[in-house]
C-alpha atoms as a PDB file:
ATOM      1  CA  MET A   1      86.373 107.570  91.582  1.00  0.00           C
ATOM      2  CA  ASP A   2      85.482 109.387  88.374  1.00  0.00           C
ATOM      3  CA  PHE A   3      84.484 107.813  85.064  1.00  0.00           C
ATOM      4  CA  ILE A   4      84.312 109.081  81.484  1.00  0.00           C
ATOM      5  CA  ASN A   5      83.123 107.385  78.300  1.00  0.00           C
ATOM      6  CA  LEU A   6      85.786 108.137  75.706  1.00  0.00           C
ATOM      7  CA  ASN A   7      83.459 107.574  72.711  1.00  0.00           C
ATOM      8  CA  GLN A   8      81.024 110.121  74.167  1.00  0.00           C
ATOM      9  CA  LYS A   9      83.879 112.627  74.628  1.00  0.00           C
ATOM     10  CA  ILE A  10      85.017 112.050  71.033  1.00  0.00           C
ATOM     11  CA  GLY A  11      81.467 112.735  69.797  1.00  0.00           C
ATOM     12  CA  GLU A  12      81.270 115.948  71.831  1.00  0.00           C
ATOM     13  CA  ALA A  13      84.660 117.103  70.548  1.00  0.00           C
ATOM     14  CA  ARG A  14      83.665 116.439  66.934  1.00  0.00           C
ATOM     15  CA  GLU A  15      80.247 118.138  67.215  1.00  0.00           C
ATOM     16  CA  GLN A  16      81.401 121.133  69.258  1.00  0.00           C
ATOM     17  CA  LYS A  17      84.836 121.454  67.621  1.00  0.00           C
ATOM     18  CA  ILE A  18      86.631 121.029  70.965  1.00  0.00           C
ATOM     19  CA  ARG A  19      90.346 120.430  70.442  1.00  0.00           C
ATOM     20  CA  ASN A  20      91.404 119.807  74.059  1.00  0.00           C
ATOM     21  CA  SER A  21      89.003 118.130  76.503  1.00  0.00           C
ATOM     22  CA  HIS A  22      90.083 118.009  80.147  1.00  0.00           C
ATOM     23  CA  LEU A  23      89.288 114.600  81.641  1.00  0.00           C
ATOM     24  CA  PHE A  24      90.764 114.299  85.152  1.00  0.00           C
ATOM     25  CA  GLY A  25      92.950 116.609  87.191  1.00  0.00           C
ATOM     26  CA  THR A  26      94.513 116.975  90.622  1.00  0.00           C
ATOM     27  CA  GLU A  27      97.251 119.225  91.997  1.00  0.00           C
ATOM     28  CA  ASN A  28      99.953 116.908  90.591  1.00  0.00           C
ATOM     29  CA  PHE A  29      98.296 115.052  87.686  1.00  0.00           C
ATOM     30  CA  ARG A  30      96.130 115.709  84.664  1.00  0.00           C
ATOM     31  CA  SER A  31      94.698 113.735  81.773  1.00  0.00           C
ATOM     32  CA  TRP A  32      93.016 115.036  78.648  1.00  0.00           C
ATOM     33  CA  MET A  33      91.879 114.091  75.170  1.00  0.00           C
ATOM     34  CA  LEU A  34      93.046 115.866  72.029  1.00  0.00           C
ATOM     35  CA  TYR A  35      90.869 115.880  68.893  1.00  0.00           C
ATOM     36  CA  PHE A  36      92.585 117.196  65.746  1.00  0.00           C
ATOM     37  CA  GLU A  37      91.053 117.381  62.285  1.00  0.00           C
ATOM     38  CA  PRO A  38      93.408 116.274  59.469  1.00  0.00           C
ATOM     39  CA  GLY A  39      96.243 118.804  59.091  1.00  0.00           C
ATOM     40  CA  ASP A  40      95.732 120.374  62.538  1.00  0.00           C
ATOM     41  CA  CYS A  41      98.863 120.633  64.703  1.00  0.00           C
ATOM     42  CA  THR A  42     100.431 122.008  67.858  1.00  0.00           C
ATOM     43  CA  PRO A  43     103.280 124.510  67.822  1.00  0.00           C
ATOM     44  CA  MET A  44     106.801 123.203  68.456  1.00  0.00           C
ATOM     45  CA  HIS A  45     106.939 123.332  72.265  1.00  0.00           C
ATOM     46  CA  PHE A  46     107.823 121.573  75.510  1.00  0.00           C
ATOM     47  CA  HIS A  47     106.422 121.171  79.019  1.00  0.00           C
ATOM     48  CA  GLN A  48     108.130 121.313  82.408  1.00  0.00           C
ATOM     49  CA  ASN A  49     107.101 117.727  83.256  1.00  0.00           C
ATOM     50  CA  PRO A  50     107.138 114.374  81.426  1.00  0.00           C
ATOM     51  CA  GLU A  51     104.030 113.325  79.540  1.00  0.00           C
ATOM     52  CA  SER A  52     102.674 110.533  77.394  1.00  0.00           C
ATOM     53  CA  PHE A  53     100.095 110.169  74.636  1.00  0.00           C
ATOM     54  CA  LEU A  54      98.093 107.130  73.486  1.00  0.00           C
ATOM     55  CA  ILE A  55      96.817 107.292  69.911  1.00  0.00           C
ATOM     56  CA  VAL A  56      93.153 106.266  69.984  1.00  0.00           C
ATOM     57  CA  ARG A  57      92.220 107.064  66.345  1.00  0.00           C
ATOM     58  CA  GLY A  58      93.954 108.417  63.274  1.00  0.00           C
ATOM     59  CA  LYS A  59      97.643 109.030  62.532  1.00  0.00           C
ATOM     60  CA  CYS A  60      99.989 111.414  64.314  1.00  0.00           C
ATOM     61  CA  SER A  61     103.306 112.861  63.221  1.00  0.00           C
ATOM     62  CA  VAL A  62     105.581 113.555  66.187  1.00  0.00           C
ATOM     63  CA  LYS A  63     108.467 115.848  65.239  1.00  0.00           C
ATOM     64  CA  ASP A  64     111.408 116.892  67.393  1.00  0.00           C
ATOM     65  CA  ILE A  65     113.219 120.234  67.293  1.00  0.00           C
ATOM     66  CA  SER A  66     115.956 118.889  64.992  1.00  0.00           C
ATOM     67  CA  GLY A  67     113.438 117.710  62.359  1.00  0.00           C
ATOM     68  CA  GLY A  68     113.257 114.038  63.328  1.00  0.00           C
ATOM     69  CA  GLU A  69     109.816 112.564  62.774  1.00  0.00           C
ATOM     70  CA  ARG A  70     107.908 109.434  63.730  1.00  0.00           C
ATOM     71  CA  ILE A  71     104.412 108.494  62.549  1.00  0.00           C
ATOM     72  CA  LEU A  72     102.206 106.934  65.222  1.00  0.00           C
ATOM     73  CA  GLU A  73      98.938 105.091  64.685  1.00  0.00           C
ATOM     74  CA  LYS A  74      96.135 103.613  66.794  1.00  0.00           C
ATOM     75  CA  ASP A  75      97.396 101.911  69.971  1.00  0.00           C
ATOM     76  CA  ASP A  76     100.874 103.504  69.757  1.00  0.00           C
ATOM     77  CA  ILE A  77     102.131 105.371  72.828  1.00  0.00           C
ATOM     78  CA  VAL A  78     104.775 108.089  72.945  1.00  0.00           C
ATOM     79  CA  PHE A  79     106.586 109.208  76.118  1.00  0.00           C
ATOM     80  CA  LEU A  80     108.072 112.704  76.117  1.00  0.00           C
ATOM     81  CA  PRO A  81     110.611 113.650  78.796  1.00  0.00           C
ATOM     82  CA  ALA A  82     110.377 117.023  80.500  1.00  0.00           C
ATOM     83  CA  LYS A  83     111.673 119.981  78.473  1.00  0.00           C
ATOM     84  CA  GLU A  84     111.951 118.043  75.197  1.00  0.00           C
ATOM     85  CA  TYR A  85     110.595 120.028  72.234  1.00  0.00           C
ATOM     86  CA  TYR A  86     107.983 118.339  70.054  1.00  0.00           C
ATOM     87  CA  GLN A  87     105.167 119.051  67.601  1.00  0.00           C
ATOM     88  CA  LEU A  88     102.067 116.882  67.028  1.00  0.00           C
ATOM     89  CA  THR A  89     100.288 116.897  63.643  1.00  0.00           C
ATOM     90  CA  SER A  90      97.230 114.980  62.448  1.00  0.00           C
ATOM     91  CA  VAL A  91      98.457 113.357  59.222  1.00  0.00           C
ATOM     92  CA  GLY A  92      95.760 110.777  58.481  1.00  0.00           C
ATOM     93  CA  ALA A  93      92.568 111.017  56.429  1.00  0.00           C
ATOM     94  CA  GLU A  94      90.418 110.834  59.581  1.00  0.00           C
ATOM     95  CA  PRO A  95      90.561 112.970  62.733  1.00  0.00           C
ATOM     96  CA  LEU A  96      93.309 112.236  65.246  1.00  0.00           C
ATOM     97  CA  VAL A  97      92.245 111.379  68.805  1.00  0.00           C
ATOM     98  CA  MET A  98      94.871 111.118  71.545  1.00  0.00           C
ATOM     99  CA  PHE A  99      94.688 110.507  75.293  1.00  0.00           C
ATOM    100  CA  GLY A 100      97.392 112.387  77.200  1.00  0.00           C
ATOM    101  CA  ASN A 101      98.612 112.670  80.772  1.00  0.00           C
ATOM    102  CA  ARG A 102     101.217 114.723  82.581  1.00  0.00           C
ATOM    103  CA  SER A 103     102.377 115.049  86.180  1.00  0.00           C
ATOM    104  CA  GLU A 104     101.176 118.613  86.798  1.00  0.00           C
ATOM    105  CA  PRO A 105      97.837 120.387  87.303  1.00  0.00           C
ATOM    106  CA  PHE A 106      95.868 122.027  84.489  1.00  0.00           C
ATOM    107  CA  GLY A 107      96.778 125.651  83.783  1.00  0.00           C
ATOM    108  CA  ILE A 108     100.563 125.417  83.464  1.00  0.00           C
ATOM    109  CA  GLY A 109     101.629 126.855  80.122  1.00  0.00           C
ATOM    110  CA  ILE A 110     103.935 125.604  77.401  1.00  0.00           C
ATOM    111  CA  THR A 111     107.333 126.854  76.260  1.00  0.00           C
ATOM    112  CA  ARG A 112     107.263 127.486  72.509  1.00  0.00           C
ATOM    113  CA  ALA A 113     110.294 127.167  70.276  1.00  0.00           C
ATOM    114  CA  GLU A 114     111.511 130.396  68.736  1.00  0.00           C
ATOM    115  CA  GLN A 115     110.415 130.752  65.128  1.00  0.00           C
ATOM    116  CA  GLN A 116     113.234 129.864  62.755  1.00  0.00           C
ATOM    117  CA  LYS A 117     114.105 132.426  60.096  1.00  0.00           C
ATOM    118  CA  SER A 118     113.960 131.346  56.450  1.00  0.00           C
END
């Protein structure tokens, strides 16, 4: 068994400006914590495997490729199927902290959406 204190990890992320903290990983599973300052975001992207996020602190905008958006707050969970484009943005006044997990090892990259022309 492995154990981590989430409040300690949040403190480390804040002090050291760590955006993505790996927590646990095996050859077919990984979990991590994301720490985003207000306004910080991911690119529009997808992963090859399903994943979920639990909002621990702050507010998160989850957008889909067609522009749909949902605002999530503390204790909300989002499930994202494999190969479904999404973008996460910290939209609250305080930093956003999320706990995520996906059924794949660390090191597998993302597929970014092509940039749309204005």
